[in-house]
Amino acid sequence: MRVLFTTNPGVGHLNPMLPLAHALQQAGHSLAFASAAAFGPTIEAHGFRCFAAGLDWLQSQLEHYFPETSTMSLEELSAWFISDLFADLAAQYMVPDLLAICHEWQPDLIVRNDFEFGGYIAAECLGIPHATLSISFFLPIATLEPLIGDQLAFLRSSHGLAPYPALDRLYHYAYLASGPLRCQEQIIPTMHAIQPQTMIKQSANQLPTWVTQLGDRPTVYASMGTVFNRTADIFPTILAALRDEPINLILTIGRNQDPAQFGPQPAHIHIEQFIPQDLLFPYCDLFITHTSFHTMMSAFKCGLPLLMLPISADEPVCALRGLELGIGRIIKRPKQFDQFFDDSIPELSPTAVRTAVHELLHNPSYRQNAQQLQAEIRALPELESAVALLTKLAAEKQPQRAH
């Protein structure tokens, strides 16, 4: 079969889709991506054809393409992403190009992720079955409706579809959920749980020698990912909180920053631009994270408790799910996400970080809960199950119900 993957042009959207794409390709299916032209080389570097489609932009250079975002707070930016960009502007430009691509390439199936909506509209227009691969915790229709309902209704009507209900068929055929279903806010009939997948290891990725020589101290690892790693207050606060603690502290700050900017550090603190997380996690006792979904799931696979510092996008929702699952604590940045967090969630400060780290390292319930989740993840179906499901969907063109 021919499968067309659709994604917005950001590595956080692409990377969770790559393992399934590779599995389909290895099973003998033809596969291509559709995304922004500027993102094509990134996709092609992973061995896939990429059709240029939609608005030409890169999430990694957001202010260059959308200067108005430079004055937005991170909270405003989160709302803008889903309501104004993903479901409106990006989707409007994506649909016509996808229709043309589908007429030329004739895919049997479209696979989108939670935040790419053009693929859904194009598939509905052409009668092609479509599946959603989760790159976040499941977003129920009731949650999405006030955020994107009108935008998708307009888009549907613009292409000859009934405008309302705008979202009822969003997950009509299949939803592939990464991780145990108990992690989800809602379970729908077409939701299938699969084992979360990490990126294919690159041969050049190796651990620094010192990682294997850390000794018996607890090891705390902190990373803010690739998009928000320049958020000014977080790394200095973590260093101030934990510099004098009896732990090993590892910070990865991104390739766009110089570790020297943080000054000299004691021997138990290591600051690097990049270390492959899947190789580093087994040496860690606690992970301090901005709480992106894909990173959370990677940590869950290793049974790691989390200190969660959400910054933008769906991260507050992810952090709340982590709190409910009992695998970590949340610290919020000052005056952010007040609609998500009550006064019981402390604001970012050295004292708050130090207190949370003490609790997470010394209260065994967090690690026990994380290890329980790890065991449940290991028991989930592997990618071969998802490949079989999508093959069946393409052949039958009917909803694939699991519940």
Protein backbone atom coordinates (compact mmCIF):
# COMPACT_ATOMS: atom_id res chain seq x y z
CA MET A 1 0.00 0.00 0.00
CA ARG A 2 0.94 3.65 -0.33
CA VAL A 3 0.91 5.70 2.87
CA LEU A 4 1.17 9.48 3.05
CA PHE A 5 2.33 10.93 6.39
CA THR A 6 1.48 14.58 7.07
CA THR A 7 3.21 16.74 9.66
CA ASN A 8 3.92 20.31 10.63
CA PRO A 9 7.59 21.29 10.10
CA GLY A 10 9.08 20.69 13.53
CA VAL A 11 11.30 17.89 14.81
CA GLY A 12 9.02 17.45 17.82
CA HIS A 13 6.21 16.60 15.40
CA LEU A 14 8.31 14.49 13.04
CA ASN A 15 10.43 12.41 15.40
CA PRO A 16 7.55 10.49 17.06
CA MET A 17 6.30 9.51 13.58
CA LEU A 18 9.61 8.16 12.27
CA PRO A 19 9.64 4.72 13.95
CA LEU A 20 6.22 3.84 12.49
CA ALA A 21 7.26 5.21 9.10
CA HIS A 22 10.39 3.03 9.15
CA ALA A 23 8.34 -0.01 10.22
CA LEU A 24 5.92 0.46 7.33
CA GLN A 25 8.78 0.91 4.90
CA GLN A 26 10.55 -2.22 6.19
CA ALA A 27 7.30 -4.17 5.77
CA GLY A 28 7.43 -3.37 2.05
CA HIS A 29 4.96 -0.50 1.85
CA SER A 30 5.56 2.70 -0.13
CA LEU A 31 5.74 5.74 2.08
CA ALA A 32 6.14 9.48 1.66
CA PHE A 33 5.77 12.56 3.83
CA ALA A 34 4.12 15.88 3.05
CA SER A 35 5.35 18.97 4.89
CA ALA A 36 6.75 22.45 4.36
CA ALA A 37 9.36 22.76 1.60
CA ALA A 38 11.95 24.10 4.06
CA PHE A 39 11.49 20.97 6.18
CA GLY A 40 11.93 18.56 3.29
CA PRO A 41 15.70 18.06 3.72
CA THR A 42 15.18 17.09 7.38
CA ILE A 43 12.69 14.40 6.39
CA GLU A 44 14.73 13.22 3.42
CA ALA A 45 17.76 12.78 5.69
CA HIS A 46 15.81 9.95 7.34
CA GLY A 47 15.39 8.17 4.02
CA PHE A 48 11.89 9.25 3.02
CA ARG A 49 10.49 11.09 0.05
CA CYS A 50 8.92 14.40 1.04
CA PHE A 51 6.34 16.31 -0.99
CA ALA A 52 6.46 20.07 -0.46
CA ALA A 53 3.05 21.04 0.88
CA GLY A 54 1.44 23.96 2.62
CA LEU A 55 2.89 27.07 4.15
CA ASP A 56 6.68 27.23 3.95
CA TRP A 57 7.94 27.68 7.52
CA LEU A 58 10.01 26.02 10.23
CA GLN A 59 9.05 25.75 13.87
CA SER A 60 12.73 26.10 14.78
CA GLN A 61 12.75 29.59 13.19
CA LEU A 62 9.31 30.70 14.30
CA GLU A 63 10.05 34.41 14.76
CA HIS A 64 11.61 34.62 11.30
CA TYR A 65 8.46 33.33 9.62
CA PHE A 66 5.94 34.84 12.06
CA PRO A 67 7.44 38.06 13.54
CA GLU A 68 4.31 38.70 15.58
CA THR A 69 5.23 35.79 17.85
CA SER A 70 8.28 37.66 19.17
CA THR A 71 6.09 39.73 21.49
CA MET A 72 3.87 36.87 22.66
CA SER A 73 4.17 35.33 26.09
CA LEU A 74 4.73 31.58 26.09
CA GLU A 75 1.15 31.18 27.27
CA GLU A 76 -0.17 33.25 24.36
CA LEU A 77 2.07 31.32 22.01
CA SER A 78 0.57 28.00 23.14
CA ALA A 79 -2.95 29.14 22.23
CA TRP A 80 -1.76 30.72 18.97
CA PHE A 81 -0.10 27.51 17.82
CA ILE A 82 -3.21 25.34 17.86
CA SER A 83 -5.98 27.86 17.15
CA ASP A 84 -4.34 30.29 14.72
CA LEU A 85 -1.55 28.28 13.11
CA PHE A 86 -2.13 24.52 13.15
CA ALA A 87 -5.91 24.48 12.67
CA ASP A 88 -6.21 27.69 10.65
CA LEU A 89 -3.36 29.16 8.60
CA ALA A 90 -1.24 26.01 8.20
CA ALA A 91 -4.24 23.81 7.45
CA GLN A 92 -5.67 26.27 4.90
CA TYR A 93 -2.45 26.18 2.89
CA MET A 94 -1.96 22.44 3.38
CA VAL A 95 -5.25 21.13 2.00
CA PRO A 96 -4.99 22.26 -1.66
CA ASP A 97 -1.45 20.92 -1.94
CA LEU A 98 -2.44 17.62 -0.35
CA LEU A 99 -5.35 17.23 -2.75
CA ALA A 100 -2.96 17.69 -5.68
CA ILE A 101 -0.40 15.29 -4.17
CA CYS A 102 -3.06 12.65 -3.60
CA HIS A 103 -4.36 12.93 -7.16
CA GLU A 104 -0.81 12.39 -8.42
CA TRP A 105 0.53 9.82 -5.95
CA GLN A 106 -2.73 8.00 -5.09
CA PRO A 107 -2.11 7.02 -1.45
CA ASP A 108 -4.26 4.31 0.11
CA LEU A 109 -4.02 5.87 3.56
CA ILE A 110 -3.13 9.18 5.21
CA VAL A 111 -1.43 9.16 8.62
CA ARG A 112 -1.46 12.49 10.46
CA ASN A 113 -0.49 13.47 13.99
CA ASP A 114 -2.56 15.25 16.62
CA PHE A 115 -1.67 18.76 15.45
CA GLU A 116 -1.75 18.44 11.65
CA PHE A 117 -5.29 19.05 10.38
CA GLY A 118 -4.84 19.44 6.63
CA GLY A 119 -4.41 15.68 6.22
CA TYR A 120 -7.76 15.07 7.90
CA ILE A 121 -9.61 17.48 5.60
CA ALA A 122 -7.91 16.22 2.43
CA ALA A 123 -8.63 12.59 3.32
CA GLU A 124 -12.28 13.39 3.99
CA CYS A 125 -12.57 15.21 0.66
CA LEU A 126 -11.15 12.25 -1.26
CA GLY A 127 -12.71 9.40 0.72
CA ILE A 128 -9.29 8.11 1.80
CA PRO A 129 -9.14 6.47 5.24
CA HIS A 130 -7.01 8.40 7.72
CA ALA A 131 -5.33 7.50 11.00
CA THR A 132 -3.96 9.68 13.78
CA LEU A 133 -0.64 8.82 15.40
CA SER A 134 -0.37 10.39 18.84
CA ILE A 135 2.42 12.83 19.55
CA SER A 136 0.62 14.02 22.69
CA PHE A 137 -1.88 12.77 25.19
CA PHE A 138 -5.27 12.32 23.55
CA LEU A 139 -7.20 15.55 23.00
CA PRO A 140 -10.94 14.83 23.34
CA ILE A 141 -13.34 16.48 20.91
CA ALA A 142 -14.91 18.40 23.80
CA THR A 143 -11.50 19.94 24.54
CA LEU A 144 -10.72 20.74 20.91
CA GLU A 145 -14.12 22.10 19.88
CA PRO A 146 -13.83 25.57 21.49
CA LEU A 147 -10.21 25.87 20.29
CA ILE A 148 -10.48 24.81 16.66
CA GLY A 149 -14.11 23.93 15.89
CA ASP A 150 -14.91 27.08 13.89
CA GLN A 151 -11.61 26.95 12.02
CA LEU A 152 -12.16 23.37 10.84
CA ALA A 153 -15.82 24.06 10.04
CA PHE A 154 -14.73 26.88 7.72
CA LEU A 155 -12.09 24.65 6.16
CA ARG A 156 -14.57 21.82 5.61
CA SER A 157 -17.12 24.11 3.98
CA SER A 158 -14.39 25.65 1.78
CA HIS A 159 -13.79 22.20 0.28
CA GLY A 160 -17.38 21.06 -0.15
CA LEU A 161 -17.80 19.17 3.12
CA ALA A 162 -20.59 19.77 5.60
CA PRO A 163 -19.16 22.31 8.07
CA TYR A 164 -20.68 20.80 11.20
CA PRO A 165 -20.02 18.69 13.12
CA ALA A 166 -16.49 19.78 12.32
CA LEU A 167 -14.61 17.27 14.47
CA ASP A 168 -16.76 14.14 14.68
CA ARG A 169 -14.71 12.29 12.06
CA LEU A 170 -11.29 13.46 13.24
CA TYR A 171 -10.58 10.08 14.86
CA HIS A 172 -13.16 8.15 12.84
CA TYR A 173 -10.93 5.37 11.49
CA ALA A 174 -8.07 4.81 13.94
CA TYR A 175 -6.13 6.54 16.70
CA LEU A 176 -2.75 5.05 17.63
CA ALA A 177 -2.04 6.02 21.24
CA SER A 178 1.54 5.82 22.49
CA GLY A 179 1.52 4.31 25.95
CA PRO A 180 -1.03 2.61 28.22
CA LEU A 181 -4.63 3.69 27.75
CA ARG A 182 -4.94 4.55 31.44
CA CYS A 183 -2.66 7.51 30.68
CA GLN A 184 -5.34 9.01 28.44
CA GLU A 185 -8.03 11.43 29.58
CA GLN A 186 -10.62 9.62 27.45
CA ILE A 187 -10.77 6.32 25.57
CA ILE A 188 -12.61 6.22 22.23
CA PRO A 189 -13.71 3.15 20.23
CA THR A 190 -10.97 3.48 17.59
CA MET A 191 -8.11 4.01 20.07
CA HIS A 192 -5.35 1.39 19.98
CA ALA A 193 -2.45 1.42 22.46
CA ILE A 194 1.04 0.79 21.10
CA GLN A 195 4.44 0.78 22.74
CA PRO A 196 6.07 4.24 22.64
CA GLN A 197 9.02 4.29 20.29
CA THR A 198 12.27 6.21 20.51
CA MET A 199 14.23 7.57 17.59
CA ILE A 200 16.37 5.22 15.55
CA LYS A 201 19.86 5.42 17.05
CA GLN A 202 22.44 7.18 14.92
CA SER A 203 25.84 5.47 14.77
CA ALA A 204 27.63 8.68 15.78
CA ASN A 205 25.66 9.00 19.00
CA GLN A 206 27.78 7.85 21.92
CA LEU A 207 27.89 8.48 25.64
CA PRO A 208 30.74 10.56 27.04
CA THR A 209 33.12 8.32 28.97
CA TRP A 210 32.45 10.13 32.25
CA VAL A 211 28.80 8.98 32.28
CA THR A 212 29.84 5.41 33.09
CA GLN A 213 32.12 6.66 35.89
CA LEU A 214 29.65 8.76 37.88
CA GLY A 215 29.82 6.74 41.10
CA ASP A 216 27.15 6.06 43.70
CA ARG A 217 25.53 9.48 44.04
CA PRO A 218 21.99 9.86 42.66
CA THR A 219 22.11 11.25 39.13
CA VAL A 220 19.73 14.05 38.13
CA TYR A 221 19.46 14.91 34.45
CA ALA A 222 17.91 18.16 33.13
CA SER A 223 17.00 19.03 29.54
CA MET A 224 14.59 21.56 28.04
CA GLY A 225 14.54 20.01 24.57
CA THR A 226 15.38 21.66 21.26
CA VAL A 227 12.85 24.52 21.01
CA PHE A 228 12.81 26.23 24.40
CA ASN A 229 16.31 25.52 25.67
CA ARG A 230 17.17 29.23 25.64
CA THR A 231 14.47 30.09 28.19
CA ALA A 232 16.69 32.29 30.31
CA ASP A 233 15.73 31.46 33.88
CA ILE A 234 15.54 27.68 33.96
CA PHE A 235 19.11 26.35 33.75
CA PRO A 236 20.58 29.02 36.09
CA THR A 237 17.84 28.24 38.62
CA ILE A 238 18.53 24.50 38.45
CA LEU A 239 22.26 25.11 38.92
CA ALA A 240 21.66 27.42 41.88
CA ALA A 241 19.32 24.88 43.45
CA LEU A 242 21.48 21.79 43.07
CA ARG A 243 25.11 22.94 42.89
CA ASP A 244 25.79 22.08 46.55
CA GLU A 245 23.64 18.93 46.73
CA PRO A 246 25.17 15.42 47.08
CA ILE A 247 24.15 14.38 43.57
CA ASN A 248 25.50 14.11 40.05
CA LEU A 249 23.85 16.79 37.91
CA ILE A 250 23.82 16.57 34.11
CA LEU A 251 22.50 19.41 31.93
CA THR A 252 22.11 19.22 28.16
CA ILE A 253 21.50 22.72 26.83
CA GLY A 254 21.25 22.31 23.05
CA ARG A 255 23.66 22.78 20.19
CA ASN A 256 22.80 26.49 19.99
CA GLN A 257 24.35 27.25 23.39
CA ASP A 258 27.87 27.19 24.83
CA PRO A 259 28.35 25.35 28.16
CA ALA A 260 31.02 27.93 29.05
CA GLN A 261 28.33 30.60 29.47
CA PHE A 262 27.43 29.04 32.83
CA GLY A 263 30.95 29.48 34.20
CA PRO A 264 33.13 27.00 36.11
CA GLN A 265 31.26 24.13 37.78
CA PRO A 266 32.22 21.63 40.50
CA ALA A 267 33.23 18.13 39.44
CA HIS A 268 29.80 16.59 40.06
CA ILE A 269 28.09 18.92 37.53
CA HIS A 270 28.35 18.20 33.82
CA ILE A 271 27.02 20.59 31.16
CA GLU A 272 26.93 19.36 27.57
CA GLN A 273 25.26 20.52 24.40
CA PHE A 274 23.85 17.09 23.59
CA ILE A 275 23.82 13.53 24.90
CA PRO A 276 21.47 10.92 23.34
CA GLN A 277 18.72 10.50 25.91
CA ASP A 278 17.96 6.87 25.19
CA LEU A 279 21.58 6.06 26.09
CA LEU A 280 21.73 8.37 29.11
CA PHE A 281 18.42 7.53 30.82
CA PRO A 282 19.56 4.14 32.23
CA TYR A 283 22.22 5.97 34.29
CA CYS A 284 19.74 8.47 35.78
CA ASP A 285 17.57 8.52 38.90
CA LEU A 286 15.50 11.62 38.08
CA PHE A 287 14.73 13.64 34.97
CA ILE A 288 13.99 17.39 34.99
CA THR A 289 12.05 18.12 31.80
CA HIS A 290 9.91 20.67 30.00
CA THR A 291 7.40 17.81 29.68
CA SER A 292 6.98 17.25 25.98
CA PHE A 293 4.94 14.11 25.37
CA HIS A 294 7.58 12.21 23.39
CA THR A 295 10.25 12.92 26.00
CA MET A 296 7.91 11.88 28.82
CA MET A 297 7.19 8.57 27.13
CA SER A 298 10.90 7.94 26.60
CA ALA A 299 11.45 8.51 30.33
CA PHE A 300 8.50 6.27 31.22
CA LYS A 301 10.07 3.45 29.20
CA CYS A 302 13.06 3.68 31.56
CA GLY A 303 10.98 3.96 34.76
CA LEU A 304 12.23 7.47 35.59
CA PRO A 305 10.34 9.86 37.90
CA LEU A 306 10.03 13.42 36.60
CA LEU A 307 10.34 16.99 37.81
CA MET A 308 8.14 18.77 35.27
CA LEU A 309 8.65 22.42 34.23
CA PRO A 310 6.15 22.99 31.40
CA ILE A 311 7.00 25.86 29.09
CA SER A 312 4.62 25.93 26.12
CA ALA A 313 2.28 24.08 23.74
CA ASP A 314 0.62 20.99 25.28
CA GLU A 315 3.19 20.71 28.07
CA PRO A 316 0.90 21.89 30.93
CA VAL A 317 -1.58 19.15 29.96
CA CYS A 318 1.21 16.58 29.82
CA ALA A 319 2.49 17.71 33.23
CA LEU A 320 -0.95 17.36 34.80
CA ARG A 321 -1.24 13.82 33.44
CA GLY A 322 2.16 13.04 34.96
CA LEU A 323 0.99 14.43 38.30
CA GLU A 324 -2.20 12.34 38.18
CA LEU A 325 -0.18 9.22 37.40
CA GLY A 326 1.97 9.85 40.48
CA ILE A 327 5.27 9.84 38.61
CA GLY A 328 6.46 13.35 39.40
CA ARG A 329 6.07 16.89 40.66
CA ILE A 330 5.33 20.13 38.79
CA ILE A 331 6.98 23.54 39.11
CA LYS A 332 5.45 26.40 37.13
CA ARG A 333 7.18 29.45 35.75
CA PRO A 334 5.95 32.72 37.35
CA LYS A 335 2.62 34.03 36.03
CA GLN A 336 2.22 31.25 33.50
CA PHE A 337 -0.57 28.73 32.94
CA ASP A 338 -2.67 29.90 35.87
CA GLN A 339 -5.69 28.34 34.16
CA PHE A 340 -4.02 24.93 34.54
CA PHE A 341 -2.29 25.11 37.91
CA ASP A 342 -3.65 26.09 41.31
CA ASP A 343 -1.72 27.56 44.23
CA SER A 344 -0.48 24.14 45.32
CA ILE A 345 1.97 24.17 42.38
CA PRO A 346 5.09 26.15 43.42
CA GLU A 347 6.70 28.76 41.19
CA LEU A 348 10.19 28.29 39.82
CA SER A 349 12.92 29.16 42.33
CA PRO A 350 16.06 27.46 43.65
CA THR A 351 14.19 26.50 46.82
CA ALA A 352 11.28 24.99 44.89
CA VAL A 353 13.61 22.96 42.67
CA ARG A 354 15.71 21.74 45.60
CA THR A 355 12.63 20.76 47.64
CA ALA A 356 11.07 18.89 44.71
CA VAL A 357 14.29 17.03 43.91
CA HIS A 358 14.63 15.93 47.55
CA GLU A 359 11.05 14.63 47.54
CA LEU A 360 11.39 12.81 44.22
CA LEU A 361 14.68 11.15 45.15
CA HIS A 362 13.71 10.09 48.66
CA ASN A 363 9.99 9.22 48.41
CA PRO A 364 9.97 5.74 46.82
CA SER A 365 6.38 6.02 45.58
CA TYR A 366 7.41 8.11 42.58
CA ARG A 367 9.90 5.55 41.32
CA GLN A 368 7.50 2.70 42.08
CA ASN A 369 4.77 4.37 40.04
CA ALA A 370 7.20 5.07 37.21
CA GLN A 371 8.40 1.47 37.22
CA GLN A 372 4.80 0.20 37.17
CA LEU A 373 4.20 2.35 34.09
CA GLN A 374 7.43 1.01 32.60
CA ALA A 375 6.16 -2.57 33.02
CA GLU A 376 2.83 -1.71 31.39
CA ILE A 377 4.60 -0.08 28.45
CA ARG A 378 6.79 -3.14 27.90
CA ALA A 379 3.64 -5.29 27.72
CA LEU A 380 2.06 -3.20 24.94
CA PRO A 381 2.02 -4.30 21.28
CA GLU A 382 5.07 -3.41 19.22
CA LEU A 383 5.05 -1.53 15.90
CA GLU A 384 4.27 -4.69 13.93
CA SER A 385 0.77 -4.54 15.42
CA ALA A 386 0.33 -0.95 14.22
CA VAL A 387 1.54 -1.89 10.73
CA ALA A 388 -1.01 -4.73 10.59
CA LEU A 389 -3.78 -2.41 11.80
CA LEU A 390 -3.01 0.24 9.17
CA THR A 391 -2.79 -2.40 6.44
CA LYS A 392 -6.22 -3.66 7.45
CA LEU A 393 -7.61 -0.12 7.54
CA ALA A 394 -6.34 0.65 4.03
CA ALA A 395 -7.89 -2.56 2.70
CA GLU A 396 -11.25 -2.33 4.47
CA LYS A 397 -11.69 1.47 4.57
CA GLN A 398 -13.73 1.00 7.73
CA PRO A 399 -13.21 2.18 11.34
CA GLN A 400 -10.88 -0.12 13.24
CA ARG A 401 -12.60 -0.45 16.60
CA ALA A 402 -10.77 -1.68 19.67
CA HIS A 403 -13.43 -0.95 22.30
